[in-house]
């Protein structure tokens, strides 16, 4: 069965280290089609996301999101992994509390490394994910296969929520005002970066001064707010340039630039090569 078919048919699919790189580009920046959980049992994988490099090692997991552009830096020979990819509407039916946890987790992950698991927790999740995969891949006729897959995915989601909520419910209540400002800034940025690249816009949305937003973002992430805005726009541009035949003028319009010249100038300023030179690397 074609892998895309499983996602279309059931709303969820499971990949292993053997076929995960059908979903994760190895040689160029990429944006996932669907959100996913990636679990690492052994070895390590290093990804660049937004403004930092994230290394995932044994007994950790991460949440990936279609709003983020990722780049694969390296993967070890002993890498063992499971990726549970799902359609967003499939998970939105689950409780909001769970979604809030995942969003918060995603924010925490932007700041440091993968989320750690105890060995027992990972073993439990690994078994659940393997059973979910077994049912999805099974050739056996099952009258209620779709419903079984949905329930197994729900079980998996509640396992994850249970494992992370103990730490997170405490941590979420203790999120400092500074972290909260950065959390809101990153969320706003993922929704508005195509139309708004000024730090003023994001500061106004939180009713704080541009200077305050900039200094808080710098102290929490080590990067200035304008650097983060620029890196997200550049990452978007990279994906359009390396994975589509779209004319550069059209890409500049999609990314909210007034014309191709201002887009090229912006791109060259940050990467020291022009959009067309960047594109040639992938042709």
Protein backbone atom coordinates (compact mmCIF):
# COMPACT_ATOMS: atom_id res chain seq x y z
CA UNK A 1 0.00 0.00 0.00
CA UNK A 2 1.36 3.41 -0.97
CA UNK A 3 2.40 5.36 2.15
CA UNK A 4 0.44 8.47 1.18
CA UNK A 5 -2.60 6.26 0.87
CA UNK A 6 -2.37 5.31 4.55
CA UNK A 7 -2.38 8.99 5.55
CA UNK A 8 -5.31 9.70 3.23
CA UNK A 9 -7.17 6.57 4.26
CA UNK A 10 -6.62 6.60 8.03
CA UNK A 11 -5.33 10.12 8.76
CA UNK A 12 -2.17 8.63 10.30
CA UNK A 13 0.90 6.62 9.27
CA UNK A 14 4.01 5.22 10.94
CA UNK A 15 7.52 5.33 9.44
CA UNK A 16 10.70 3.61 10.65
CA UNK A 17 14.38 4.51 10.19
CA UNK A 18 14.20 2.47 6.94
CA UNK A 19 11.67 4.72 5.21
CA UNK A 20 11.62 7.89 7.33
CA UNK A 21 13.83 9.63 4.77
CA UNK A 22 11.04 9.34 2.19
CA UNK A 23 9.38 11.96 4.42
CA UNK A 24 12.45 13.89 5.58
CA UNK A 25 14.64 15.44 2.87
CA UNK A 26 18.28 14.57 3.41
CA UNK A 27 19.97 17.00 1.03
CA UNK A 28 17.93 20.23 1.20
CA UNK A 29 15.73 22.29 3.54
CA UNK A 30 12.18 20.89 3.63
CA UNK A 31 8.77 21.54 5.13
CA UNK A 32 6.83 18.44 6.29
CA UNK A 33 3.42 17.93 4.66
CA UNK A 34 1.90 16.85 7.97
CA UNK A 35 2.71 17.23 11.67
CA UNK A 36 4.53 14.30 13.28
CA UNK A 37 6.13 12.86 16.40
CA UNK A 38 9.66 11.51 15.94
CA UNK A 39 10.98 9.05 18.56
CA UNK A 40 14.63 8.04 18.82
CA UNK A 41 15.46 4.65 20.33
CA UNK A 42 19.19 4.65 19.57
CA UNK A 43 21.75 6.74 17.73
CA UNK A 44 21.17 10.39 16.94
CA UNK A 45 19.88 12.80 14.32
CA UNK A 46 20.68 16.50 14.05
CA UNK A 47 18.18 18.90 12.48
CA UNK A 48 18.26 22.65 11.95
CA UNK A 49 14.94 24.34 12.68
CA UNK A 50 14.07 28.02 12.70
CA UNK A 51 17.08 29.55 14.38
CA UNK A 52 18.90 26.70 16.07
CA UNK A 53 20.24 23.16 15.64
CA UNK A 54 18.40 20.42 17.47
CA UNK A 55 20.14 17.15 18.28
CA UNK A 56 17.93 14.18 19.11
CA UNK A 57 19.59 11.28 20.92
CA UNK A 58 18.38 7.96 22.40
CA UNK A 59 15.19 8.13 24.54
CA UNK A 60 14.02 11.50 23.21
CA UNK A 61 11.26 12.69 20.92
CA UNK A 62 10.33 15.84 19.05
CA UNK A 63 7.21 17.31 17.50
CA UNK A 64 7.51 18.50 13.89
CA UNK A 65 5.14 20.97 12.32
CA UNK A 66 4.28 21.89 8.69
CA UNK A 67 4.74 25.57 9.56
CA UNK A 68 8.45 25.01 10.24
CA UNK A 69 11.25 24.48 7.73
CA UNK A 70 13.80 21.84 8.75
CA UNK A 71 17.21 20.92 7.44
CA UNK A 72 18.97 17.60 8.08
CA UNK A 73 22.51 18.10 9.32
CA UNK A 74 23.57 14.54 10.19
CA UNK A 75 22.34 11.09 11.20
CA UNK A 76 24.33 8.35 12.97
CA UNK A 77 24.78 4.79 11.64
CA UNK A 78 23.00 3.25 14.64
CA UNK A 79 19.92 5.51 14.24
CA UNK A 80 16.69 3.71 15.24
CA UNK A 81 13.50 5.68 15.04
CA UNK A 82 9.72 5.77 14.62
CA UNK A 83 7.82 8.68 13.12
CA UNK A 84 4.07 8.99 13.61
CA UNK A 85 2.77 11.36 10.95
CA UNK A 86 -0.87 12.48 11.12
CA UNK A 87 -3.37 14.85 9.55
CA UNK A 88 -4.01 17.87 11.76
CA UNK A 89 -7.80 17.50 11.67
CA UNK A 90 -7.38 13.99 13.06
CA UNK A 91 -5.82 15.28 16.28
CA UNK A 92 -7.98 18.39 16.65
CA UNK A 93 -10.84 16.08 17.63
CA UNK A 94 -8.84 15.18 20.75
CA UNK A 95 -8.99 17.31 23.87
CA UNK A 96 -7.78 20.92 23.77
CA UNK A 97 -5.75 20.25 26.88
CA UNK A 98 -3.68 17.78 24.86
CA UNK A 99 -3.22 20.28 22.01
CA UNK A 100 -2.09 22.96 24.44
CA UNK A 101 0.50 20.56 25.88
CA UNK A 102 1.85 19.76 22.43
CA UNK A 103 2.04 23.45 21.47
CA UNK A 104 3.86 24.19 24.70
CA UNK A 105 6.18 21.25 24.18
CA UNK A 106 6.91 22.48 20.67
CA UNK A 107 7.86 25.89 22.10
CA UNK A 108 10.15 24.33 24.71
CA UNK A 109 11.81 22.24 22.02
CA UNK A 110 12.54 25.38 19.95
CA UNK A 111 14.66 26.53 22.84
CA UNK A 112 16.82 23.48 23.49
CA UNK A 113 16.90 19.77 22.63
CA UNK A 114 14.50 16.87 22.22
CA UNK A 115 12.11 15.93 25.00
CA UNK A 116 13.62 13.21 27.24
CA UNK A 117 11.79 9.96 28.07
CA UNK A 118 12.47 7.40 30.75
CA UNK A 119 13.41 3.99 29.32
CA UNK A 120 10.09 2.50 30.54
CA UNK A 121 8.04 5.27 28.95
CA UNK A 122 9.86 4.90 25.64
CA UNK A 123 9.41 1.09 25.68
CA UNK A 124 5.68 1.53 26.19
CA UNK A 125 5.34 4.13 23.40
CA UNK A 126 7.52 2.00 21.08
CA UNK A 127 5.19 -1.01 21.54
CA UNK A 128 2.08 1.12 20.92
CA UNK A 129 3.56 2.66 17.78
CA UNK A 130 4.69 -0.72 16.44
CA UNK A 131 1.22 -2.19 16.99
CA UNK A 132 -0.36 0.82 15.26
CA UNK A 133 2.03 0.27 12.34
CA UNK A 134 1.23 -3.46 12.26
CA UNK A 135 -2.51 -2.75 11.94
CA UNK A 136 -2.03 -0.01 9.30
CA UNK A 137 0.29 -2.24 7.19
CA UNK A 138 -1.74 -5.42 7.66
CA UNK A 139 -3.09 -7.02 4.48
CA UNK A 140 -5.76 -8.85 6.48
CA UNK A 141 -9.35 -7.76 5.82
CA UNK A 142 -10.71 -5.94 8.88
CA UNK A 143 -14.28 -4.69 8.99
CA UNK A 144 -13.52 -1.84 11.38
CA UNK A 145 -9.89 -1.15 10.41
CA UNK A 146 -10.32 2.64 10.21
CA UNK A 147 -11.96 2.75 13.66
CA UNK A 148 -9.26 0.47 15.13
CA UNK A 149 -6.53 2.76 13.74
CA UNK A 150 -8.30 5.86 15.12
CA UNK A 151 -8.59 4.32 18.59
CA UNK A 152 -4.99 3.09 18.63
CA UNK A 153 -3.84 6.57 17.60
CA UNK A 154 -5.95 8.06 20.42
CA UNK A 155 -4.37 5.63 22.90
CA UNK A 156 -0.93 6.71 21.66
CA UNK A 157 -1.85 10.42 22.02
CA UNK A 158 -3.11 9.97 25.58
CA UNK A 159 0.05 8.02 26.47
CA UNK A 160 2.15 10.93 25.20
CA UNK A 161 -0.03 13.48 26.99
CA UNK A 162 0.22 11.51 30.24
CA UNK A 163 3.98 11.20 30.04
CA UNK A 164 4.61 14.90 29.37
CA UNK A 165 1.78 16.45 31.40
CA UNK A 166 3.31 15.74 34.81
CA UNK A 167 6.31 17.91 34.06
CA UNK A 168 4.52 20.32 31.75
CA UNK A 169 1.51 21.21 33.88
CA UNK A 170 3.97 22.43 36.51
CA UNK A 171 6.26 24.07 33.99
CA UNK A 172 3.42 25.67 32.05
CA UNK A 173 2.15 27.38 35.18
CA UNK A 174 5.69 28.47 35.92
CA UNK A 175 6.38 29.79 32.41
CA UNK A 176 8.09 33.09 33.06
CA UNK A 177 6.65 36.29 31.60
CA UNK A 178 9.69 36.43 29.30
CA UNK A 179 9.12 32.90 27.99
CA UNK A 180 5.46 33.69 27.47
CA UNK A 181 6.35 36.75 25.35
CA UNK A 182 8.65 34.60 23.17
CA UNK A 183 6.01 31.82 23.00
CA UNK A 184 3.40 34.29 21.69
CA UNK A 185 5.96 35.91 19.34
CA UNK A 186 6.85 32.53 17.74
CA UNK A 187 3.17 31.59 17.41
CA UNK A 188 2.32 34.96 15.83
CA UNK A 189 5.32 34.67 13.55
CA UNK A 190 4.25 31.27 12.20
CA UNK A 191 0.87 32.79 11.22
CA UNK A 192 1.88 36.25 9.98
CA UNK A 193 5.46 36.13 8.65
CA UNK A 194 4.36 36.19 4.99
CA UNK A 195 2.70 39.57 5.41
CA UNK A 196 4.58 41.15 8.30
CA UNK A 197 8.33 41.28 8.71
CA UNK A 198 8.62 44.22 11.10
CA UNK A 199 9.37 43.65 14.77
CA UNK A 200 6.96 46.56 15.49
CA UNK A 201 4.02 44.52 14.20
CA UNK A 202 4.73 41.65 16.64
CA UNK A 203 5.36 44.01 19.55
CA UNK A 204 2.04 45.80 18.92
CA UNK A 205 0.21 42.47 18.96
CA UNK A 206 1.40 42.01 22.56
CA UNK A 207 1.00 45.69 23.49
CA UNK A 208 4.68 46.01 24.37
CA UNK A 209 7.42 48.22 22.93
CA UNK A 210 9.63 47.03 20.08
CA UNK A 211 12.68 47.48 22.29
CA UNK A 212 11.18 45.31 25.05
CA UNK A 213 10.21 42.52 22.62
CA UNK A 214 13.68 42.60 21.05
CA UNK A 215 15.55 42.41 24.35
CA UNK A 216 13.32 39.60 25.72
CA UNK A 217 13.64 37.53 22.54
CA UNK A 218 17.42 38.03 22.56
CA UNK A 219 17.75 37.01 26.22
CA UNK A 220 15.63 33.84 25.80
CA UNK A 221 16.81 32.63 22.37
CA UNK A 222 20.22 34.25 21.91
CA UNK A 223 18.98 35.73 18.59
CA UNK A 224 17.38 39.11 17.94
CA UNK A 225 13.71 39.26 16.93
CA UNK A 226 14.65 40.61 13.49
CA UNK A 227 17.16 37.76 12.97
CA UNK A 228 14.42 35.22 13.77
CA UNK A 229 11.94 36.92 11.41
CA UNK A 230 14.56 36.96 8.65
CA UNK A 231 15.58 33.31 9.19
CA UNK A 232 11.96 32.15 8.90
CA UNK A 233 11.42 34.10 5.65
CA UNK A 234 14.75 32.81 4.25
CA UNK A 235 13.79 29.22 5.13
CA UNK A 236 10.44 29.63 3.35
CA UNK A 237 12.28 31.00 0.31
CA UNK A 238 14.71 28.04 0.31
CA UNK A 239 11.86 25.52 0.19
CA UNK A 240 10.13 27.30 -2.73
CA UNK A 241 13.42 27.59 -4.60
CA UNK A 242 14.59 24.01 -4.07
CA UNK A 243 11.32 22.13 -4.49
CA UNK A 244 9.26 24.07 -7.07
CA UNK A 245 9.64 25.36 -10.62
CA UNK A 246 7.86 28.58 -9.65
CA UNK A 247 9.37 31.76 -11.18
CA UNK A 248 11.37 33.85 -8.68
CA UNK A 249 9.01 36.79 -9.27
CA UNK A 250 6.08 34.62 -8.11
CA UNK A 251 8.00 33.44 -5.03
CA UNK A 252 8.74 37.09 -4.10
CA UNK A 253 5.00 37.87 -4.27
CA UNK A 254 4.06 34.84 -2.12
CA UNK A 255 6.67 35.88 0.46
CA UNK A 256 5.19 39.37 0.61
CA UNK A 257 7.95 41.34 -1.17
CA UNK A 258 6.95 44.32 -3.31
CA UNK A 259 9.03 43.06 -6.25
CA UNK A 260 11.65 40.53 -7.30
CA UNK A 261 14.48 43.01 -6.78
CA UNK A 262 13.70 43.59 -3.07
CA UNK A 263 13.35 39.83 -2.51
CA UNK A 264 16.70 39.13 -4.23
CA UNK A 265 18.38 41.90 -2.25
CA UNK A 266 16.98 40.49 1.04
CA UNK A 267 18.01 36.92 0.12
CA UNK A 268 21.53 37.90 -0.94
CA UNK A 269 22.03 40.03 2.18
CA UNK A 270 21.37 36.98 4.39
CA UNK A 271 22.90 34.14 2.35
CA UNK A 272 25.49 35.98 0.21
CA UNK A 273 24.18 34.28 -2.94
CA UNK A 274 21.23 35.22 -5.16
CA UNK A 275 17.97 33.19 -5.27
CA UNK A 276 18.84 31.90 -8.77
CA UNK A 277 22.33 30.81 -7.63
CA UNK A 278 20.75 29.02 -4.67
CA UNK A 279 18.24 27.29 -6.97
CA UNK A 280 20.97 26.08 -9.35
CA UNK A 281 22.45 23.93 -6.56
CA UNK A 282 19.32 21.72 -6.65
CA UNK A 283 18.83 21.43 -10.39
